[in-house]
């Protein structure tokens, strides 16, 4: 069996874990990032800092397009997967939309509920024209 690793996929996963930790502990994501024993790679840092710097705009966009769901009601993992993907749509125009959506759906499927992949895909599909338009 071959195991495929992708540094960008790994960076998104690390960013998710760091954002989850920050939210769970009620501390700033920059503090969690700074407290790492080995420094985070460039993309992980960019994702965590980008979410933090744009969180008000990102959360407002997610809230407006997550029909029937408030941010507080979403599973913490789903909320942070959506934030990372929304930041990539907003601040990383070099990353194709299909890649952003696929990576986010895979993270949600891997780390959250059985329904999270579909939920994340639906919300992000609604966000694409808003954040990339």
C-alpha atoms as a PDB file:
ATOM      1  CA  UNK A   1       0.000   0.000   0.000  1.00  0.00           C
ATOM      2  CA  UNK A   2       1.401   3.409  -0.879  1.00  0.00           C
ATOM      3  CA  UNK A   3       0.916   6.354   1.430  1.00  0.00           C
ATOM      4  CA  UNK A   4       0.644   9.702  -0.318  1.00  0.00           C
ATOM      5  CA  UNK A   5       1.626  12.746   1.659  1.00  0.00           C
ATOM      6  CA  UNK A   6       1.189  16.278   0.533  1.00  0.00           C
ATOM      7  CA  UNK A   7       2.826  19.113   2.446  1.00  0.00           C
ATOM      8  CA  UNK A   8      -0.087  21.442   1.721  1.00  0.00           C
ATOM      9  CA  UNK A   9      -2.619  18.904   2.988  1.00  0.00           C
ATOM     10  CA  UNK A  10      -0.475  18.385   6.089  1.00  0.00           C
ATOM     11  CA  UNK A  11      -0.275  22.158   6.632  1.00  0.00           C
ATOM     12  CA  UNK A  12      -4.063  22.479   6.453  1.00  0.00           C
ATOM     13  CA  UNK A  13      -4.414  19.652   8.963  1.00  0.00           C
ATOM     14  CA  UNK A  14      -1.910  21.285  11.337  1.00  0.00           C
ATOM     15  CA  UNK A  15      -3.668  24.637  10.989  1.00  0.00           C
ATOM     16  CA  UNK A  16      -6.974  22.955  11.844  1.00  0.00           C
ATOM     17  CA  UNK A  17      -5.479  21.352  14.945  1.00  0.00           C
ATOM     18  CA  UNK A  18      -3.948  24.656  16.087  1.00  0.00           C
ATOM     19  CA  UNK A  19      -7.171  26.610  15.522  1.00  0.00           C
ATOM     20  CA  UNK A  20      -9.145  23.903  17.320  1.00  0.00           C
ATOM     21  CA  UNK A  21      -6.732  24.033  20.255  1.00  0.00           C
ATOM     22  CA  UNK A  22      -6.927  27.831  20.457  1.00  0.00           C
ATOM     23  CA  UNK A  23     -10.722  27.826  20.396  1.00  0.00           C
ATOM     24  CA  UNK A  24     -10.983  24.961  22.901  1.00  0.00           C
ATOM     25  CA  UNK A  25      -8.653  26.728  25.336  1.00  0.00           C
ATOM     26  CA  UNK A  26     -10.119  30.180  24.713  1.00  0.00           C
ATOM     27  CA  UNK A  27      -6.761  31.656  23.755  1.00  0.00           C
ATOM     28  CA  UNK A  28      -5.502  33.532  20.721  1.00  0.00           C
ATOM     29  CA  UNK A  29      -4.388  31.347  17.836  1.00  0.00           C
ATOM     30  CA  UNK A  30      -1.145  33.356  17.694  1.00  0.00           C
ATOM     31  CA  UNK A  31      -0.366  32.201  21.254  1.00  0.00           C
ATOM     32  CA  UNK A  32      -0.928  28.551  20.330  1.00  0.00           C
ATOM     33  CA  UNK A  33       1.199  28.999  17.216  1.00  0.00           C
ATOM     34  CA  UNK A  34       4.010  30.617  19.246  1.00  0.00           C
ATOM     35  CA  UNK A  35       3.901  27.865  21.889  1.00  0.00           C
ATOM     36  CA  UNK A  36       4.750  25.074  19.462  1.00  0.00           C
ATOM     37  CA  UNK A  37       7.919  23.166  20.345  1.00  0.00           C
ATOM     38  CA  UNK A  38       8.945  23.023  16.708  1.00  0.00           C
ATOM     39  CA  UNK A  39       7.886  26.049  14.666  1.00  0.00           C
ATOM     40  CA  UNK A  40       5.026  25.574  12.236  1.00  0.00           C
ATOM     41  CA  UNK A  41       5.849  25.561   8.542  1.00  0.00           C
ATOM     42  CA  UNK A  42       5.176  28.623   6.400  1.00  0.00           C
ATOM     43  CA  UNK A  43       1.791  27.517   5.028  1.00  0.00           C
ATOM     44  CA  UNK A  44       0.443  26.434   8.417  1.00  0.00           C
ATOM     45  CA  UNK A  45       1.478  29.800   9.849  1.00  0.00           C
ATOM     46  CA  UNK A  46      -0.073  31.649   6.909  1.00  0.00           C
ATOM     47  CA  UNK A  47      -3.371  29.783   7.343  1.00  0.00           C
ATOM     48  CA  UNK A  48      -3.600  30.300  11.111  1.00  0.00           C
ATOM     49  CA  UNK A  49      -2.608  33.969  10.908  1.00  0.00           C
ATOM     50  CA  UNK A  50      -4.860  34.547   7.888  1.00  0.00           C
ATOM     51  CA  UNK A  51      -7.892  33.116   9.669  1.00  0.00           C
ATOM     52  CA  UNK A  52      -7.144  35.241  12.746  1.00  0.00           C
ATOM     53  CA  UNK A  53      -6.625  38.437  10.749  1.00  0.00           C
ATOM     54  CA  UNK A  54      -9.816  37.972   8.711  1.00  0.00           C
ATOM     55  CA  UNK A  55     -11.989  36.141  11.246  1.00  0.00           C
ATOM     56  CA  UNK A  56     -14.731  38.780  11.527  1.00  0.00           C
ATOM     57  CA  UNK A  57     -15.250  38.870   7.742  1.00  0.00           C
ATOM     58  CA  UNK A  58     -14.925  35.092   7.427  1.00  0.00           C
ATOM     59  CA  UNK A  59     -17.363  34.376  10.259  1.00  0.00           C
ATOM     60  CA  UNK A  60     -19.880  36.864   8.866  1.00  0.00           C
ATOM     61  CA  UNK A  61     -19.709  35.198   5.432  1.00  0.00           C
ATOM     62  CA  UNK A  62     -20.046  31.697   6.905  1.00  0.00           C
ATOM     63  CA  UNK A  63     -22.977  32.790   9.090  1.00  0.00           C
ATOM     64  CA  UNK A  64     -24.752  34.348   6.130  1.00  0.00           C
ATOM     65  CA  UNK A  65     -24.447  31.185   4.017  1.00  0.00           C
ATOM     66  CA  UNK A  66     -24.850  28.365   6.558  1.00  0.00           C
ATOM     67  CA  UNK A  67     -28.598  28.079   6.259  1.00  0.00           C
ATOM     68  CA  UNK A  68     -30.186  27.035   9.531  1.00  0.00           C
ATOM     69  CA  UNK A  69     -26.880  26.951  11.400  1.00  0.00           C
ATOM     70  CA  UNK A  70     -25.268  29.504  13.692  1.00  0.00           C
ATOM     71  CA  UNK A  71     -21.506  29.451  14.129  1.00  0.00           C
ATOM     72  CA  UNK A  72     -21.977  28.457  17.771  1.00  0.00           C
ATOM     73  CA  UNK A  73     -24.152  25.476  16.833  1.00  0.00           C
ATOM     74  CA  UNK A  74     -21.636  24.028  14.357  1.00  0.00           C
ATOM     75  CA  UNK A  75     -19.166  21.430  15.546  1.00  0.00           C
ATOM     76  CA  UNK A  76     -15.874  23.166  16.401  1.00  0.00           C
ATOM     77  CA  UNK A  77     -14.004  21.164  13.765  1.00  0.00           C
ATOM     78  CA  UNK A  78     -16.501  22.110  11.031  1.00  0.00           C
ATOM     79  CA  UNK A  79     -16.356  25.785  12.012  1.00  0.00           C
ATOM     80  CA  UNK A  80     -12.561  25.816  11.793  1.00  0.00           C
ATOM     81  CA  UNK A  81     -12.438  23.818   8.551  1.00  0.00           C
ATOM     82  CA  UNK A  82     -14.813  26.403   7.068  1.00  0.00           C
ATOM     83  CA  UNK A  83     -12.656  29.253   8.375  1.00  0.00           C
ATOM     84  CA  UNK A  84      -9.482  27.829   6.812  1.00  0.00           C
ATOM     85  CA  UNK A  85     -11.188  27.233   3.467  1.00  0.00           C
ATOM     86  CA  UNK A  86     -12.879  30.644   3.536  1.00  0.00           C
ATOM     87  CA  UNK A  87      -9.498  32.264   4.155  1.00  0.00           C
ATOM     88  CA  UNK A  88      -8.027  30.344   1.235  1.00  0.00           C
ATOM     89  CA  UNK A  89     -10.874  31.489  -1.011  1.00  0.00           C
ATOM     90  CA  UNK A  90     -10.414  35.067   0.190  1.00  0.00           C
ATOM     91  CA  UNK A  91      -6.666  35.401   0.551  1.00  0.00           C
ATOM     92  CA  UNK A  92      -5.039  32.737  -1.594  1.00  0.00           C
ATOM     93  CA  UNK A  93      -6.278  33.299  -5.164  1.00  0.00           C
ATOM     94  CA  UNK A  94      -3.456  31.066  -6.464  1.00  0.00           C
ATOM     95  CA  UNK A  95      -5.192  28.004  -4.983  1.00  0.00           C
ATOM     96  CA  UNK A  96      -7.888  26.633  -7.321  1.00  0.00           C
ATOM     97  CA  UNK A  97     -11.433  26.607  -5.914  1.00  0.00           C
ATOM     98  CA  UNK A  98     -11.726  22.851  -6.506  1.00  0.00           C
ATOM     99  CA  UNK A  99      -8.628  22.237  -4.375  1.00  0.00           C
ATOM    100  CA  UNK A 100      -9.931  24.421  -1.529  1.00  0.00           C
ATOM    101  CA  UNK A 101     -13.279  22.610  -1.517  1.00  0.00           C
ATOM    102  CA  UNK A 102     -11.794  19.123  -1.838  1.00  0.00           C
ATOM    103  CA  UNK A 103      -9.258  19.662   0.938  1.00  0.00           C
ATOM    104  CA  UNK A 104     -11.896  21.132   3.284  1.00  0.00           C
ATOM    105  CA  UNK A 105     -14.365  18.308   2.637  1.00  0.00           C
ATOM    106  CA  UNK A 106     -11.657  15.711   3.266  1.00  0.00           C
ATOM    107  CA  UNK A 107     -10.646  17.374   6.558  1.00  0.00           C
ATOM    108  CA  UNK A 108     -14.279  17.490   7.683  1.00  0.00           C
ATOM    109  CA  UNK A 109     -14.845  13.846   6.758  1.00  0.00           C
ATOM    110  CA  UNK A 110     -11.667  12.769   8.512  1.00  0.00           C
ATOM    111  CA  UNK A 111     -11.992  14.712  11.759  1.00  0.00           C
ATOM    112  CA  UNK A 112     -15.693  15.459  12.266  1.00  0.00           C
ATOM    113  CA  UNK A 113     -19.132  13.889  11.916  1.00  0.00           C
ATOM    114  CA  UNK A 114     -20.514  11.643   9.169  1.00  0.00           C
ATOM    115  CA  UNK A 115     -22.499  14.595   7.771  1.00  0.00           C
ATOM    116  CA  UNK A 116     -19.712  17.152   7.985  1.00  0.00           C
ATOM    117  CA  UNK A 117     -18.305  16.612   4.491  1.00  0.00           C
ATOM    118  CA  UNK A 118     -21.638  17.389   2.852  1.00  0.00           C
ATOM    119  CA  UNK A 119     -22.260  20.323   5.200  1.00  0.00           C
ATOM    120  CA  UNK A 120     -18.837  21.887   4.563  1.00  0.00           C
ATOM    121  CA  UNK A 121     -19.191  21.382   0.807  1.00  0.00           C
ATOM    122  CA  UNK A 122     -22.604  23.075   0.785  1.00  0.00           C
ATOM    123  CA  UNK A 123     -21.500  26.105   2.778  1.00  0.00           C
ATOM    124  CA  UNK A 124     -18.289  26.543   0.800  1.00  0.00           C
ATOM    125  CA  UNK A 125     -20.096  26.207  -2.531  1.00  0.00           C
ATOM    126  CA  UNK A 126     -22.288  29.134  -1.458  1.00  0.00           C
ATOM    127  CA  UNK A 127     -19.212  31.121  -0.349  1.00  0.00           C
ATOM    128  CA  UNK A 128     -17.227  30.751  -3.578  1.00  0.00           C
ATOM    129  CA  UNK A 129     -19.018  33.552  -5.501  1.00  0.00           C
ATOM    130  CA  UNK A 130     -18.855  35.815  -2.437  1.00  0.00           C
ATOM    131  CA  UNK A 131     -15.190  35.328  -1.555  1.00  0.00           C
ATOM    132  CA  UNK A 132     -13.734  34.679  -5.013  1.00  0.00           C
ATOM    133  CA  UNK A 133     -16.145  36.806  -7.043  1.00  0.00           C
END
